[in-house]
Amino acid sequence: MAKGIVNGSYLMYQGKPLIRQDNAYVWGDMEDKAVLFLLVLSNKVVDGKEVPDDVLIQVLSTDEKHTCLKQGQRNGFFAALDIGTVWLKKELGE
């Protein structure tokens, strides 16, 4: 097994892994030059269920410095993921 490779399966979204830990989500391949990072800043209650409200969006380089290439904020997880995927694909030239 190569260093840094984790065995197992991931939730795939548009052909790239979507990984979650607590309120942080990463979408993309660490072998690419950038990944999408989403951080849920606050939640709200809708129909008795807690859902993400404010979400921080960042496109981060995967080099050693993890430089923030683009940043924004949206209300709702889907809106954040939607604009974030566009930003990442543009950064990767897809």
N, C-alpha and C. Protein backbone atom coordinates (compact mmCIF):
# COMPACT_ATOMS: atom_id res chain seq x y z
N MET A 1 0.83 -1.18 0.00
CA MET A 1 0.00 0.00 0.00
C MET A 1 0.88 1.24 0.00
N ALA A 2 0.59 2.19 -0.88
CA ALA A 2 1.37 3.42 -0.98
C ALA A 2 1.11 4.32 0.22
N LYS A 3 2.09 5.13 0.54
CA LYS A 3 1.95 6.06 1.65
C LYS A 3 0.83 7.06 1.37
N GLY A 4 -0.04 7.30 2.36
CA GLY A 4 -1.11 8.26 2.21
C GLY A 4 -2.37 7.71 1.56
N ILE A 5 -2.35 6.47 1.12
CA ILE A 5 -3.51 5.87 0.49
C ILE A 5 -4.32 5.13 1.56
N VAL A 6 -5.62 5.41 1.61
CA VAL A 6 -6.50 4.76 2.58
C VAL A 6 -7.36 3.75 1.84
N ASN A 7 -7.35 2.53 2.31
CA ASN A 7 -8.21 1.51 1.71
C ASN A 7 -9.64 1.72 2.18
N GLY A 8 -10.59 1.45 1.31
CA GLY A 8 -11.99 1.59 1.67
C GLY A 8 -12.75 2.25 0.54
N SER A 9 -14.02 2.47 0.79
CA SER A 9 -14.84 3.11 -0.24
C SER A 9 -15.32 4.46 0.25
N TYR A 10 -15.52 5.35 -0.69
CA TYR A 10 -15.96 6.70 -0.38
C TYR A 10 -17.26 6.98 -1.11
N LEU A 11 -18.01 7.92 -0.60
CA LEU A 11 -19.16 8.43 -1.32
C LEU A 11 -18.61 9.19 -2.52
N MET A 12 -19.06 8.84 -3.71
CA MET A 12 -18.57 9.49 -4.93
C MET A 12 -19.62 10.48 -5.41
N TYR A 13 -19.18 11.67 -5.81
CA TYR A 13 -20.04 12.69 -6.38
C TYR A 13 -19.36 13.20 -7.64
N GLN A 14 -20.00 13.06 -8.76
CA GLN A 14 -19.45 13.46 -10.05
C GLN A 14 -18.06 12.87 -10.29
N GLY A 15 -17.89 11.62 -9.89
CA GLY A 15 -16.65 10.91 -10.17
C GLY A 15 -15.49 11.19 -9.23
N LYS A 16 -15.72 12.00 -8.20
CA LYS A 16 -14.66 12.31 -7.23
C LYS A 16 -15.16 11.98 -5.82
N PRO A 17 -14.27 11.60 -4.91
CA PRO A 17 -14.71 11.27 -3.55
C PRO A 17 -15.16 12.51 -2.78
N LEU A 18 -16.23 12.34 -1.99
CA LEU A 18 -16.73 13.38 -1.09
C LEU A 18 -16.58 12.83 0.32
N ILE A 19 -15.71 13.45 1.10
CA ILE A 19 -15.35 12.96 2.43
C ILE A 19 -15.80 13.96 3.48
N ARG A 20 -16.37 13.44 4.57
CA ARG A 20 -16.87 14.30 5.64
C ARG A 20 -16.26 13.92 6.97
N GLN A 21 -15.93 14.94 7.75
CA GLN A 21 -15.56 14.74 9.15
C GLN A 21 -16.18 15.89 9.93
N ASP A 22 -17.13 15.56 10.80
CA ASP A 22 -17.89 16.55 11.56
C ASP A 22 -18.55 17.54 10.61
N ASN A 23 -18.20 18.81 10.69
CA ASN A 23 -18.81 19.84 9.84
C ASN A 23 -17.94 20.21 8.64
N ALA A 24 -16.91 19.44 8.36
CA ALA A 24 -16.01 19.72 7.26
C ALA A 24 -16.16 18.67 6.17
N TYR A 25 -16.18 19.12 4.92
CA TYR A 25 -16.32 18.24 3.76
C TYR A 25 -15.19 18.57 2.78
N VAL A 26 -14.64 17.54 2.15
CA VAL A 26 -13.64 17.72 1.10
C VAL A 26 -14.12 16.94 -0.11
N TRP A 27 -14.14 17.60 -1.26
CA TRP A 27 -14.53 16.94 -2.51
C TRP A 27 -13.38 17.08 -3.48
N GLY A 28 -12.91 15.96 -4.00
CA GLY A 28 -11.85 15.99 -5.00
C GLY A 28 -10.80 14.93 -4.74
N ASP A 29 -9.84 14.91 -5.62
CA ASP A 29 -8.75 13.94 -5.58
C ASP A 29 -7.48 14.67 -5.18
N MET A 30 -6.82 14.18 -4.14
CA MET A 30 -5.60 14.82 -3.66
C MET A 30 -4.46 14.74 -4.68
N GLU A 31 -4.60 13.93 -5.71
CA GLU A 31 -3.61 13.87 -6.79
C GLU A 31 -3.78 15.04 -7.76
N ASP A 32 -4.94 15.68 -7.76
CA ASP A 32 -5.17 16.87 -8.60
C ASP A 32 -4.47 18.06 -7.97
N LYS A 33 -4.43 19.18 -8.69
CA LYS A 33 -3.72 20.36 -8.15
C LYS A 33 -4.55 21.14 -7.13
N ALA A 34 -5.87 20.82 -7.01
CA ALA A 34 -6.72 21.51 -6.04
C ALA A 34 -7.89 20.63 -5.65
N VAL A 35 -8.48 20.92 -4.47
CA VAL A 35 -9.68 20.25 -3.98
C VAL A 35 -10.64 21.30 -3.45
N LEU A 36 -11.89 20.88 -3.27
CA LEU A 36 -12.91 21.77 -2.71
C LEU A 36 -13.08 21.45 -1.24
N PHE A 37 -13.08 22.48 -0.40
CA PHE A 37 -13.26 22.34 1.04
C PHE A 37 -14.52 23.11 1.42
N LEU A 38 -15.44 22.45 2.11
CA LEU A 38 -16.67 23.08 2.58
C LEU A 38 -16.73 22.94 4.10
N LEU A 39 -17.03 24.03 4.78
CA LEU A 39 -17.14 24.02 6.24
C LEU A 39 -18.49 24.59 6.62
N VAL A 40 -19.31 23.79 7.30
CA VAL A 40 -20.62 24.25 7.75
C VAL A 40 -20.40 25.12 8.98
N LEU A 41 -20.75 26.41 8.84
CA LEU A 41 -20.54 27.37 9.93
C LEU A 41 -21.71 27.42 10.89
N SER A 42 -22.93 27.22 10.38
CA SER A 42 -24.11 27.21 11.23
C SER A 42 -25.18 26.32 10.63
N ASN A 43 -26.09 25.88 11.48
CA ASN A 43 -27.20 25.03 11.07
C ASN A 43 -28.52 25.72 11.40
N LYS A 44 -29.60 25.26 10.78
CA LYS A 44 -30.94 25.74 11.11
C LYS A 44 -31.87 24.53 11.15
N VAL A 45 -33.02 24.71 11.79
CA VAL A 45 -33.99 23.62 11.90
C VAL A 45 -35.08 23.82 10.85
N VAL A 46 -35.27 22.79 10.03
CA VAL A 46 -36.31 22.80 9.01
C VAL A 46 -37.13 21.52 9.19
N ASP A 47 -38.42 21.68 9.43
CA ASP A 47 -39.32 20.54 9.64
C ASP A 47 -38.79 19.58 10.71
N GLY A 48 -38.24 20.16 11.77
CA GLY A 48 -37.75 19.35 12.89
C GLY A 48 -36.39 18.72 12.69
N LYS A 49 -35.73 18.99 11.56
CA LYS A 49 -34.41 18.42 11.30
C LYS A 49 -33.39 19.54 11.15
N GLU A 50 -32.19 19.29 11.66
CA GLU A 50 -31.11 20.28 11.56
C GLU A 50 -30.42 20.14 10.21
N VAL A 51 -30.33 21.23 9.47
CA VAL A 51 -29.68 21.24 8.16
C VAL A 51 -28.66 22.38 8.09
N PRO A 52 -27.63 22.24 7.25
CA PRO A 52 -26.63 23.30 7.13
C PRO A 52 -27.25 24.60 6.64
N ASP A 53 -26.80 25.71 7.22
CA ASP A 53 -27.28 27.03 6.81
C ASP A 53 -26.14 27.80 6.14
N ASP A 54 -25.24 28.37 6.91
CA ASP A 54 -24.10 29.09 6.34
C ASP A 54 -22.95 28.11 6.10
N VAL A 55 -22.40 28.14 4.87
CA VAL A 55 -21.32 27.22 4.50
C VAL A 55 -20.18 28.02 3.88
N LEU A 56 -18.98 27.83 4.41
CA LEU A 56 -17.76 28.43 3.86
C LEU A 56 -17.26 27.54 2.73
N ILE A 57 -16.91 28.15 1.60
CA ILE A 57 -16.43 27.42 0.42
C ILE A 57 -15.00 27.85 0.15
N GLN A 58 -14.10 26.89 -0.03
CA GLN A 58 -12.72 27.20 -0.39
C GLN A 58 -12.21 26.20 -1.42
N VAL A 59 -11.52 26.70 -2.42
CA VAL A 59 -10.76 25.85 -3.32
C VAL A 59 -9.32 25.94 -2.84
N LEU A 60 -8.78 24.80 -2.39
CA LEU A 60 -7.45 24.75 -1.81
C LEU A 60 -6.49 24.00 -2.71
N SER A 61 -5.27 24.52 -2.83
CA SER A 61 -4.25 23.80 -3.59
C SER A 61 -3.82 22.57 -2.79
N THR A 62 -3.39 21.54 -3.46
CA THR A 62 -2.97 20.32 -2.77
C THR A 62 -1.46 20.25 -2.58
N ASP A 63 -0.77 21.36 -2.85
CA ASP A 63 0.67 21.37 -2.59
C ASP A 63 0.90 21.43 -1.08
N GLU A 64 2.13 21.53 -0.67
CA GLU A 64 2.47 21.50 0.75
C GLU A 64 1.91 22.70 1.52
N LYS A 65 1.67 23.82 0.85
CA LYS A 65 1.20 25.03 1.52
C LYS A 65 -0.31 25.08 1.67
N HIS A 66 -1.07 24.29 0.89
CA HIS A 66 -2.54 24.28 0.91
C HIS A 66 -3.10 25.70 0.79
N THR A 67 -2.62 26.43 -0.17
CA THR A 67 -3.03 27.81 -0.40
C THR A 67 -4.49 27.88 -0.80
N CYS A 68 -5.20 28.87 -0.28
CA CYS A 68 -6.59 29.10 -0.66
C CYS A 68 -6.60 29.85 -1.99
N LEU A 69 -7.16 29.22 -3.03
CA LEU A 69 -7.18 29.81 -4.36
C LEU A 69 -8.44 30.63 -4.61
N LYS A 70 -9.53 30.27 -3.95
CA LYS A 70 -10.78 30.99 -4.09
C LYS A 70 -11.61 30.70 -2.85
N GLN A 71 -12.38 31.71 -2.40
CA GLN A 71 -13.17 31.54 -1.18
C GLN A 71 -14.49 32.28 -1.31
N GLY A 72 -15.51 31.74 -0.69
CA GLY A 72 -16.82 32.38 -0.66
C GLY A 72 -17.68 31.77 0.43
N GLN A 73 -18.92 32.21 0.49
CA GLN A 73 -19.85 31.71 1.49
C GLN A 73 -21.24 31.69 0.89
N ARG A 74 -22.01 30.65 1.16
CA ARG A 74 -23.37 30.52 0.65
C ARG A 74 -24.28 30.01 1.75
N ASN A 75 -25.57 30.27 1.59
CA ASN A 75 -26.58 29.71 2.48
C ASN A 75 -27.05 28.39 1.89
N GLY A 76 -26.93 27.32 2.65
CA GLY A 76 -27.37 26.01 2.22
C GLY A 76 -26.23 25.19 1.65
N PHE A 77 -26.22 23.91 1.98
CA PHE A 77 -25.14 23.03 1.54
C PHE A 77 -25.16 22.84 0.03
N PHE A 78 -26.36 22.63 -0.54
CA PHE A 78 -26.42 22.39 -1.98
C PHE A 78 -25.90 23.58 -2.77
N ALA A 79 -26.28 24.80 -2.37
CA ALA A 79 -25.81 26.00 -3.07
C ALA A 79 -24.29 26.11 -2.98
N ALA A 80 -23.73 25.78 -1.82
CA ALA A 80 -22.28 25.84 -1.63
C ALA A 80 -21.58 24.78 -2.48
N LEU A 81 -22.10 23.56 -2.46
CA LEU A 81 -21.50 22.49 -3.26
C LEU A 81 -21.62 22.80 -4.74
N ASP A 82 -22.75 23.35 -5.16
CA ASP A 82 -22.99 23.67 -6.56
C ASP A 82 -21.96 24.68 -7.08
N ILE A 83 -21.80 25.80 -6.40
CA ILE A 83 -20.85 26.83 -6.86
C ILE A 83 -19.41 26.34 -6.67
N GLY A 84 -19.16 25.59 -5.60
CA GLY A 84 -17.82 25.08 -5.34
C GLY A 84 -17.34 24.12 -6.41
N THR A 85 -18.22 23.25 -6.90
CA THR A 85 -17.83 22.32 -7.96
C THR A 85 -17.49 23.07 -9.24
N VAL A 86 -18.22 24.14 -9.52
CA VAL A 86 -17.92 24.96 -10.71
C VAL A 86 -16.54 25.59 -10.56
N TRP A 87 -16.26 26.18 -9.39
CA TRP A 87 -14.96 26.81 -9.16
C TRP A 87 -13.83 25.79 -9.29
N LEU A 88 -13.99 24.60 -8.69
CA LEU A 88 -12.94 23.59 -8.73
C LEU A 88 -12.72 23.11 -10.17
N LYS A 89 -13.78 22.81 -10.88
CA LYS A 89 -13.63 22.36 -12.26
C LYS A 89 -12.93 23.41 -13.12
N LYS A 90 -13.25 24.67 -12.90
CA LYS A 90 -12.59 25.75 -13.64
C LYS A 90 -11.10 25.79 -13.29
N GLU A 91 -10.77 25.64 -12.01
CA GLU A 91 -9.38 25.64 -11.57
C GLU A 91 -8.60 24.48 -12.17
N LEU A 92 -9.27 23.33 -12.31
CA LEU A 92 -8.61 22.13 -12.85
C LEU A 92 -8.64 22.09 -14.37
N GLY A 93 -9.35 23.02 -14.99
CA GLY A 93 -9.43 23.05 -16.44
C GLY A 93 -10.34 21.98 -17.01
N GLU A 94 -11.31 21.55 -16.24
CA GLU A 94 -12.24 20.49 -16.70
C GLU A 94 -13.44 21.09 -17.40
